Amino acid sequence: MRQTNVNDRIIDGERVAASNFGGPGPAVMAAGTLTGDGVVNNSGESLGEIKEIMIDVRSGKIAYAVLSFGGFLGMGDKLFAIPWHALQLDPTEKQFILNVSPEHLKNAPGFDKDHWPSMANEQWARDIHSYYSEPPYWN
């Protein structure tokens, strides 16, 4: 049995050895290193890629990841604000896991690159969190 260290951390319910934290990630990472990462569901189906990480400047919390889905070569992509806690980082594969089907994502409230919603609007934010069955990040 492996000895635990007081500096070990619990990430997504699993103990991660302190020796794995010699540099950035997976517990603390630069947002820019996450943009462009793929997103898959639990079945391994591709759901797109992370385009932006949105930060609530007042609280300092990550609010959303903006996911691009459905286009071809960057044309016709639809963007989705995904509540940050709906995503699980898979640092080994350098991707995120979002537990939804492609059909659920296709039916999600989305937007295009030229018409972003007001992400500071509380009702919009509650609707997004509700769609993904996530509690609001500010609670």
N, C-alpha and C. Protein backbone atom coordinates (compact mmCIF):
# COMPACT_ATOMS: atom_id res chain seq x y z
N MET A 1 0.84 -1.17 0.00
CA MET A 1 0.00 0.00 0.00
C MET A 1 0.89 1.24 0.00
N ARG A 2 0.55 2.21 -0.85
CA ARG A 2 1.34 3.43 -0.97
C ARG A 2 1.12 4.31 0.25
N GLN A 3 2.20 4.87 0.74
CA GLN A 3 2.12 5.82 1.86
C GLN A 3 1.55 7.14 1.35
N THR A 4 0.69 7.75 2.16
CA THR A 4 0.16 9.05 1.79
C THR A 4 1.01 10.14 2.42
N ASN A 5 1.02 11.27 1.79
CA ASN A 5 1.79 12.43 2.22
C ASN A 5 0.81 13.51 2.60
N VAL A 6 1.11 14.26 3.63
CA VAL A 6 0.24 15.34 4.07
C VAL A 6 0.02 16.37 2.96
N ASN A 7 0.92 16.45 1.99
CA ASN A 7 0.80 17.40 0.89
C ASN A 7 0.06 16.82 -0.32
N ASP A 8 -0.33 15.53 -0.26
CA ASP A 8 -1.14 14.97 -1.33
C ASP A 8 -2.42 15.80 -1.44
N ARG A 9 -3.02 15.80 -2.62
CA ARG A 9 -4.24 16.58 -2.83
C ARG A 9 -5.34 15.67 -3.36
N ILE A 10 -6.57 16.07 -3.11
CA ILE A 10 -7.72 15.36 -3.65
C ILE A 10 -8.22 16.17 -4.84
N ILE A 11 -8.22 15.57 -6.01
CA ILE A 11 -8.70 16.22 -7.23
C ILE A 11 -9.75 15.32 -7.84
N ASP A 12 -10.95 15.87 -8.04
CA ASP A 12 -12.07 15.11 -8.57
C ASP A 12 -12.27 13.81 -7.82
N GLY A 13 -12.13 13.87 -6.49
CA GLY A 13 -12.39 12.72 -5.64
C GLY A 13 -11.28 11.70 -5.56
N GLU A 14 -10.16 11.95 -6.22
CA GLU A 14 -9.05 11.00 -6.20
C GLU A 14 -7.81 11.64 -5.60
N ARG A 15 -7.08 10.87 -4.81
CA ARG A 15 -5.85 11.35 -4.20
C ARG A 15 -4.77 11.43 -5.27
N VAL A 16 -4.11 12.57 -5.35
CA VAL A 16 -3.01 12.79 -6.28
C VAL A 16 -1.76 13.06 -5.46
N ALA A 17 -0.71 12.30 -5.72
CA ALA A 17 0.52 12.40 -4.93
C ALA A 17 1.14 13.78 -5.07
N ALA A 18 1.67 14.27 -3.95
CA ALA A 18 2.32 15.59 -3.94
C ALA A 18 3.46 15.64 -4.95
N SER A 19 4.08 14.51 -5.21
CA SER A 19 5.20 14.50 -6.16
C SER A 19 4.77 14.84 -7.58
N ASN A 20 3.46 14.80 -7.86
CA ASN A 20 2.95 15.15 -9.19
C ASN A 20 2.77 16.65 -9.37
N PHE A 21 3.12 17.44 -8.34
CA PHE A 21 2.89 18.88 -8.41
C PHE A 21 4.19 19.66 -8.47
N GLY A 22 5.14 19.18 -9.25
CA GLY A 22 6.42 19.86 -9.38
C GLY A 22 6.35 21.09 -10.26
N GLY A 23 5.31 21.24 -11.03
CA GLY A 23 5.16 22.38 -11.93
C GLY A 23 3.69 22.68 -12.11
N PRO A 24 3.36 23.52 -13.06
CA PRO A 24 1.96 23.86 -13.29
C PRO A 24 1.14 22.62 -13.65
N GLY A 25 -0.07 22.57 -13.14
CA GLY A 25 -1.03 21.54 -13.48
C GLY A 25 -0.85 20.27 -12.69
N PRO A 26 -1.86 19.48 -12.54
CA PRO A 26 -3.21 19.76 -13.03
C PRO A 26 -4.04 20.59 -12.07
N ALA A 27 -3.55 20.88 -10.88
CA ALA A 27 -4.36 21.63 -9.92
C ALA A 27 -4.42 23.12 -10.22
N VAL A 28 -3.32 23.70 -10.69
CA VAL A 28 -3.27 25.11 -11.06
C VAL A 28 -2.62 25.19 -12.43
N MET A 29 -3.33 25.80 -13.37
CA MET A 29 -2.82 25.87 -14.74
C MET A 29 -3.12 27.24 -15.33
N ALA A 30 -2.35 27.63 -16.32
CA ALA A 30 -2.62 28.86 -17.06
C ALA A 30 -3.82 28.61 -17.96
N ALA A 31 -4.77 29.55 -17.98
CA ALA A 31 -5.97 29.38 -18.79
C ALA A 31 -5.63 29.17 -20.26
N GLY A 32 -4.59 29.84 -20.73
CA GLY A 32 -4.20 29.71 -22.13
C GLY A 32 -3.77 28.30 -22.52
N THR A 33 -3.32 27.51 -21.53
CA THR A 33 -2.92 26.13 -21.86
C THR A 33 -4.12 25.23 -22.05
N LEU A 34 -5.31 25.70 -21.65
CA LEU A 34 -6.51 24.88 -21.77
C LEU A 34 -7.31 25.20 -23.03
N THR A 35 -7.15 26.39 -23.58
CA THR A 35 -7.87 26.72 -24.80
C THR A 35 -7.32 25.85 -25.92
N GLY A 36 -8.23 25.37 -26.73
CA GLY A 36 -7.86 24.46 -27.81
C GLY A 36 -7.96 23.00 -27.41
N ASP A 37 -8.10 22.73 -26.11
CA ASP A 37 -8.25 21.34 -25.67
C ASP A 37 -9.58 20.80 -26.17
N GLY A 38 -9.57 19.53 -26.53
CA GLY A 38 -10.78 18.86 -26.96
C GLY A 38 -11.69 18.56 -25.80
N VAL A 39 -12.95 18.34 -26.14
CA VAL A 39 -13.95 17.94 -25.15
C VAL A 39 -14.65 16.71 -25.70
N VAL A 40 -14.74 15.68 -24.88
CA VAL A 40 -15.43 14.45 -25.24
C VAL A 40 -16.46 14.14 -24.16
N ASN A 41 -17.38 13.24 -24.48
CA ASN A 41 -18.30 12.80 -23.44
C ASN A 41 -17.80 11.48 -22.86
N ASN A 42 -18.57 10.91 -21.95
CA ASN A 42 -18.14 9.67 -21.28
C ASN A 42 -18.01 8.50 -22.25
N SER A 43 -18.65 8.60 -23.41
CA SER A 43 -18.55 7.55 -24.43
C SER A 43 -17.39 7.78 -25.39
N GLY A 44 -16.66 8.87 -25.19
CA GLY A 44 -15.53 9.18 -26.05
C GLY A 44 -15.90 9.94 -27.32
N GLU A 45 -17.18 10.33 -27.45
CA GLU A 45 -17.60 11.08 -28.63
C GLU A 45 -17.10 12.52 -28.53
N SER A 46 -16.58 13.05 -29.61
CA SER A 46 -16.07 14.42 -29.62
C SER A 46 -17.23 15.40 -29.53
N LEU A 47 -17.07 16.39 -28.65
CA LEU A 47 -18.07 17.44 -28.49
C LEU A 47 -17.53 18.80 -28.90
N GLY A 48 -16.29 18.86 -29.37
CA GLY A 48 -15.74 20.13 -29.80
C GLY A 48 -14.46 20.47 -29.06
N GLU A 49 -14.20 21.77 -28.96
CA GLU A 49 -12.99 22.22 -28.27
C GLU A 49 -13.23 23.51 -27.50
N ILE A 50 -12.40 23.70 -26.50
CA ILE A 50 -12.48 24.90 -25.66
C ILE A 50 -11.91 26.09 -26.43
N LYS A 51 -12.71 27.14 -26.55
CA LYS A 51 -12.26 28.35 -27.24
C LYS A 51 -11.82 29.43 -26.27
N GLU A 52 -12.52 29.54 -25.13
CA GLU A 52 -12.23 30.58 -24.15
C GLU A 52 -12.51 30.05 -22.75
N ILE A 53 -11.86 30.64 -21.79
CA ILE A 53 -12.15 30.41 -20.37
C ILE A 53 -12.65 31.75 -19.83
N MET A 54 -13.85 31.76 -19.28
CA MET A 54 -14.47 33.00 -18.81
C MET A 54 -14.36 33.08 -17.29
N ILE A 55 -13.82 34.19 -16.81
CA ILE A 55 -13.58 34.40 -15.38
C ILE A 55 -14.54 35.46 -14.85
N ASP A 56 -15.15 35.16 -13.73
CA ASP A 56 -15.95 36.16 -13.02
C ASP A 56 -14.94 37.04 -12.29
N VAL A 57 -14.69 38.20 -12.79
CA VAL A 57 -13.63 39.07 -12.28
C VAL A 57 -13.90 39.47 -10.84
N ARG A 58 -15.15 39.69 -10.49
CA ARG A 58 -15.47 40.11 -9.11
C ARG A 58 -15.12 39.03 -8.09
N SER A 59 -15.42 37.77 -8.40
CA SER A 59 -15.18 36.70 -7.43
C SER A 59 -13.84 35.99 -7.63
N GLY A 60 -13.28 36.12 -8.84
CA GLY A 60 -12.05 35.41 -9.15
C GLY A 60 -12.27 33.95 -9.52
N LYS A 61 -13.52 33.54 -9.67
CA LYS A 61 -13.84 32.15 -10.01
C LYS A 61 -13.97 31.99 -11.51
N ILE A 62 -13.63 30.80 -11.98
CA ILE A 62 -13.89 30.47 -13.38
C ILE A 62 -15.38 30.21 -13.49
N ALA A 63 -16.03 30.92 -14.39
CA ALA A 63 -17.47 30.79 -14.56
C ALA A 63 -17.82 29.75 -15.62
N TYR A 64 -17.21 29.88 -16.80
CA TYR A 64 -17.57 29.04 -17.94
C TYR A 64 -16.35 28.72 -18.78
N ALA A 65 -16.49 27.65 -19.51
CA ALA A 65 -15.62 27.39 -20.65
C ALA A 65 -16.50 27.59 -21.88
N VAL A 66 -16.00 28.27 -22.87
CA VAL A 66 -16.76 28.44 -24.11
C VAL A 66 -16.32 27.32 -25.04
N LEU A 67 -17.30 26.49 -25.40
CA LEU A 67 -17.07 25.32 -26.23
C LEU A 67 -17.54 25.60 -27.65
N SER A 68 -16.71 25.26 -28.62
CA SER A 68 -17.07 25.36 -30.03
C SER A 68 -17.46 23.98 -30.52
N PHE A 69 -18.63 23.89 -31.17
CA PHE A 69 -19.17 22.60 -31.59
C PHE A 69 -19.96 22.74 -32.87
N GLY A 70 -19.84 21.77 -33.74
CA GLY A 70 -20.76 21.64 -34.87
C GLY A 70 -20.34 22.22 -36.19
N GLY A 71 -19.25 22.93 -36.26
CA GLY A 71 -18.85 23.51 -37.54
C GLY A 71 -17.86 22.63 -38.28
N PHE A 72 -17.38 23.16 -39.38
CA PHE A 72 -16.38 22.47 -40.19
C PHE A 72 -15.30 23.48 -40.55
N LEU A 73 -14.07 23.20 -40.15
CA LEU A 73 -12.93 24.08 -40.40
C LEU A 73 -13.20 25.51 -39.91
N GLY A 74 -13.85 25.59 -38.75
CA GLY A 74 -14.10 26.90 -38.15
C GLY A 74 -15.31 27.63 -38.72
N MET A 75 -15.97 27.05 -39.69
CA MET A 75 -17.14 27.69 -40.29
C MET A 75 -18.41 27.07 -39.72
N GLY A 76 -19.35 27.90 -39.32
CA GLY A 76 -20.63 27.43 -38.83
C GLY A 76 -20.61 26.87 -37.42
N ASP A 77 -19.50 27.08 -36.71
CA ASP A 77 -19.44 26.62 -35.33
C ASP A 77 -20.48 27.34 -34.50
N LYS A 78 -21.05 26.61 -33.57
CA LYS A 78 -21.93 27.20 -32.58
C LYS A 78 -21.13 27.19 -31.28
N LEU A 79 -21.26 28.25 -30.50
CA LEU A 79 -20.55 28.35 -29.23
C LEU A 79 -21.51 28.11 -28.08
N PHE A 80 -20.99 27.50 -27.02
CA PHE A 80 -21.77 27.18 -25.85
C PHE A 80 -21.00 27.57 -24.60
N ALA A 81 -21.67 28.21 -23.67
CA ALA A 81 -21.08 28.48 -22.36
C ALA A 81 -21.35 27.26 -21.49
N ILE A 82 -20.30 26.57 -21.11
CA ILE A 82 -20.43 25.38 -20.29
C ILE A 82 -20.01 25.73 -18.87
N PRO A 83 -20.89 25.51 -17.89
CA PRO A 83 -20.47 25.79 -16.51
C PRO A 83 -19.18 25.02 -16.19
N TRP A 84 -18.24 25.72 -15.60
CA TRP A 84 -16.91 25.15 -15.36
C TRP A 84 -16.98 23.82 -14.61
N HIS A 85 -17.85 23.73 -13.63
CA HIS A 85 -17.91 22.51 -12.82
C HIS A 85 -18.59 21.35 -13.55
N ALA A 86 -19.15 21.59 -14.73
CA ALA A 86 -19.70 20.49 -15.54
C ALA A 86 -18.59 19.74 -16.27
N LEU A 87 -17.41 20.34 -16.32
CA LEU A 87 -16.28 19.75 -17.04
C LEU A 87 -15.33 19.04 -16.08
N GLN A 88 -14.79 17.94 -16.54
CA GLN A 88 -13.77 17.22 -15.78
C GLN A 88 -12.50 17.19 -16.63
N LEU A 89 -11.40 17.65 -16.07
CA LEU A 89 -10.13 17.65 -16.80
C LEU A 89 -9.52 16.26 -16.80
N ASP A 90 -9.11 15.82 -17.98
CA ASP A 90 -8.36 14.58 -18.13
C ASP A 90 -6.95 14.99 -18.53
N PRO A 91 -6.05 15.23 -17.54
CA PRO A 91 -4.73 15.77 -17.87
C PRO A 91 -3.86 14.80 -18.67
N THR A 92 -4.10 13.51 -18.54
CA THR A 92 -3.32 12.53 -19.31
C THR A 92 -3.58 12.67 -20.80
N GLU A 93 -4.86 12.82 -21.16
CA GLU A 93 -5.23 12.94 -22.57
C GLU A 93 -5.30 14.39 -23.03
N LYS A 94 -5.08 15.33 -22.10
CA LYS A 94 -5.14 16.77 -22.40
C LYS A 94 -6.47 17.13 -23.06
N GLN A 95 -7.54 16.71 -22.38
CA GLN A 95 -8.88 16.99 -22.86
C GLN A 95 -9.82 17.10 -21.67
N PHE A 96 -11.02 17.56 -21.95
CA PHE A 96 -12.06 17.64 -20.93
C PHE A 96 -13.13 16.62 -21.22
N ILE A 97 -13.83 16.22 -20.17
CA ILE A 97 -14.97 15.32 -20.31
C ILE A 97 -16.20 16.09 -19.86
N LEU A 98 -17.22 16.06 -20.70
CA LEU A 98 -18.51 16.68 -20.41
C LEU A 98 -19.55 15.59 -20.56
N ASN A 99 -20.27 15.30 -19.50
CA ASN A 99 -21.18 14.16 -19.47
C ASN A 99 -22.52 14.51 -20.11
N VAL A 100 -22.52 14.77 -21.42
CA VAL A 100 -23.75 15.00 -22.19
C VAL A 100 -23.61 14.33 -23.54
N SER A 101 -24.73 14.04 -24.15
CA SER A 101 -24.72 13.48 -25.50
C SER A 101 -24.57 14.61 -26.52
N PRO A 102 -24.14 14.28 -27.73
CA PRO A 102 -24.09 15.32 -28.78
C PRO A 102 -25.46 15.95 -29.01
N GLU A 103 -26.53 15.16 -28.89
CA GLU A 103 -27.88 15.68 -29.10
C GLU A 103 -28.24 16.71 -28.02
N HIS A 104 -27.87 16.42 -26.78
CA HIS A 104 -28.13 17.37 -25.68
C HIS A 104 -27.39 18.68 -25.95
N LEU A 105 -26.17 18.58 -26.42
CA LEU A 105 -25.39 19.78 -26.72
C LEU A 105 -26.00 20.54 -27.89
N LYS A 106 -26.43 19.83 -28.93
CA LYS A 106 -27.05 20.50 -30.08
C LYS A 106 -28.28 21.30 -29.69
N ASN A 107 -29.00 20.83 -28.66
CA ASN A 107 -30.22 21.50 -28.21
C ASN A 107 -29.96 22.54 -27.13
N ALA A 108 -28.72 22.69 -26.71
CA ALA A 108 -28.38 23.62 -25.65
C ALA A 108 -28.47 25.07 -26.13
N PRO A 109 -28.72 25.99 -25.21
CA PRO A 109 -28.66 27.40 -25.60
C PRO A 109 -27.22 27.74 -26.04
N GLY A 110 -27.10 28.30 -27.20
CA GLY A 110 -25.78 28.64 -27.72
C GLY A 110 -25.79 30.01 -28.36
N PHE A 111 -24.67 30.35 -28.97
CA PHE A 111 -24.53 31.66 -29.59
C PHE A 111 -23.46 31.56 -30.67
N ASP A 112 -23.35 32.60 -31.49
CA ASP A 112 -22.29 32.59 -32.50
C ASP A 112 -21.22 33.61 -32.12
N LYS A 113 -20.11 33.53 -32.80
CA LYS A 113 -18.94 34.33 -32.42
C LYS A 113 -19.18 35.84 -32.49
N ASP A 114 -20.18 36.28 -33.23
CA ASP A 114 -20.46 37.71 -33.35
C ASP A 114 -21.60 38.18 -32.45
N HIS A 115 -22.23 37.27 -31.73
CA HIS A 115 -23.39 37.64 -30.90
C HIS A 115 -23.34 36.90 -29.56
N TRP A 116 -22.46 37.34 -28.69
CA TRP A 116 -22.29 36.73 -27.37
C TRP A 116 -23.40 37.19 -26.44
N PRO A 117 -23.84 36.32 -25.55
CA PRO A 117 -24.84 36.72 -24.55
C PRO A 117 -24.19 37.58 -23.46
N SER A 118 -25.01 38.21 -22.67
CA SER A 118 -24.52 38.94 -21.51
C SER A 118 -24.33 37.93 -20.39
N MET A 119 -23.11 37.45 -20.24
CA MET A 119 -22.84 36.39 -19.27
C MET A 119 -22.96 36.87 -17.84
N ALA A 120 -23.03 38.17 -17.62
CA ALA A 120 -23.23 38.71 -16.28
C ALA A 120 -24.71 38.76 -15.91
N ASN A 121 -25.60 38.46 -16.86
CA ASN A 121 -27.03 38.45 -16.60
C ASN A 121 -27.37 37.22 -15.76
N GLU A 122 -27.89 37.45 -14.55
CA GLU A 122 -28.11 36.35 -13.61
C GLU A 122 -29.13 35.33 -14.12
N GLN A 123 -30.20 35.78 -14.78
CA GLN A 123 -31.20 34.83 -15.28
C GLN A 123 -30.60 33.96 -16.38
N TRP A 124 -29.84 34.55 -17.28
CA TRP A 124 -29.17 33.77 -18.33
C TRP A 124 -28.27 32.72 -17.68
N ALA A 125 -27.50 33.15 -16.68
CA ALA A 125 -26.56 32.25 -16.02
C ALA A 125 -27.29 31.11 -15.31
N ARG A 126 -28.40 31.42 -14.65
CA ARG A 126 -29.17 30.37 -13.97
C ARG A 126 -29.71 29.36 -14.99
N ASP A 127 -30.19 29.87 -16.14
CA ASP A 127 -30.71 28.98 -17.18
C ASP A 127 -29.63 28.05 -17.71
N ILE A 128 -28.43 28.57 -17.91
CA ILE A 128 -27.32 27.74 -18.41
C ILE A 128 -26.96 26.67 -17.39
N HIS A 129 -26.82 27.07 -16.14
CA HIS A 129 -26.48 26.09 -15.10
C HIS A 129 -27.56 25.03 -14.97
N SER A 130 -28.81 25.44 -15.06
CA SER A 130 -29.93 24.50 -14.97
C SER A 130 -29.89 23.50 -16.13
N TYR A 131 -29.60 23.98 -17.33
CA TYR A 131 -29.57 23.10 -18.51
C TYR A 131 -28.56 21.98 -18.33
N TYR A 132 -27.44 22.29 -17.70
CA TYR A 132 -26.38 21.29 -17.49
C TYR A 132 -26.47 20.65 -16.10
N SER A 133 -27.57 20.89 -15.38
CA SER A 133 -27.80 20.31 -14.05
C SER A 133 -26.66 20.60 -13.09
N GLU A 134 -26.18 21.83 -13.14
CA GLU A 134 -25.09 22.28 -12.26
C GLU A 134 -25.59 23.41 -11.39
N PRO A 135 -25.20 23.42 -10.12
CA PRO A 135 -25.56 24.57 -9.28
C PRO A 135 -24.77 25.79 -9.75
N PRO A 136 -25.34 26.99 -9.61
CA PRO A 136 -24.61 28.19 -10.01
C PRO A 136 -23.28 28.29 -9.28
N TYR A 137 -22.26 28.71 -9.98
CA TYR A 137 -20.91 28.77 -9.39
C TYR A 137 -20.83 29.80 -8.27
N TRP A 138 -21.70 30.79 -8.25
CA TRP A 138 -21.61 31.85 -7.24
C TRP A 138 -22.29 31.47 -5.93
N ASN A 139 -22.94 30.31 -5.87
CA ASN A 139 -23.56 29.86 -4.61
C ASN A 139 -22.55 29.18 -3.74
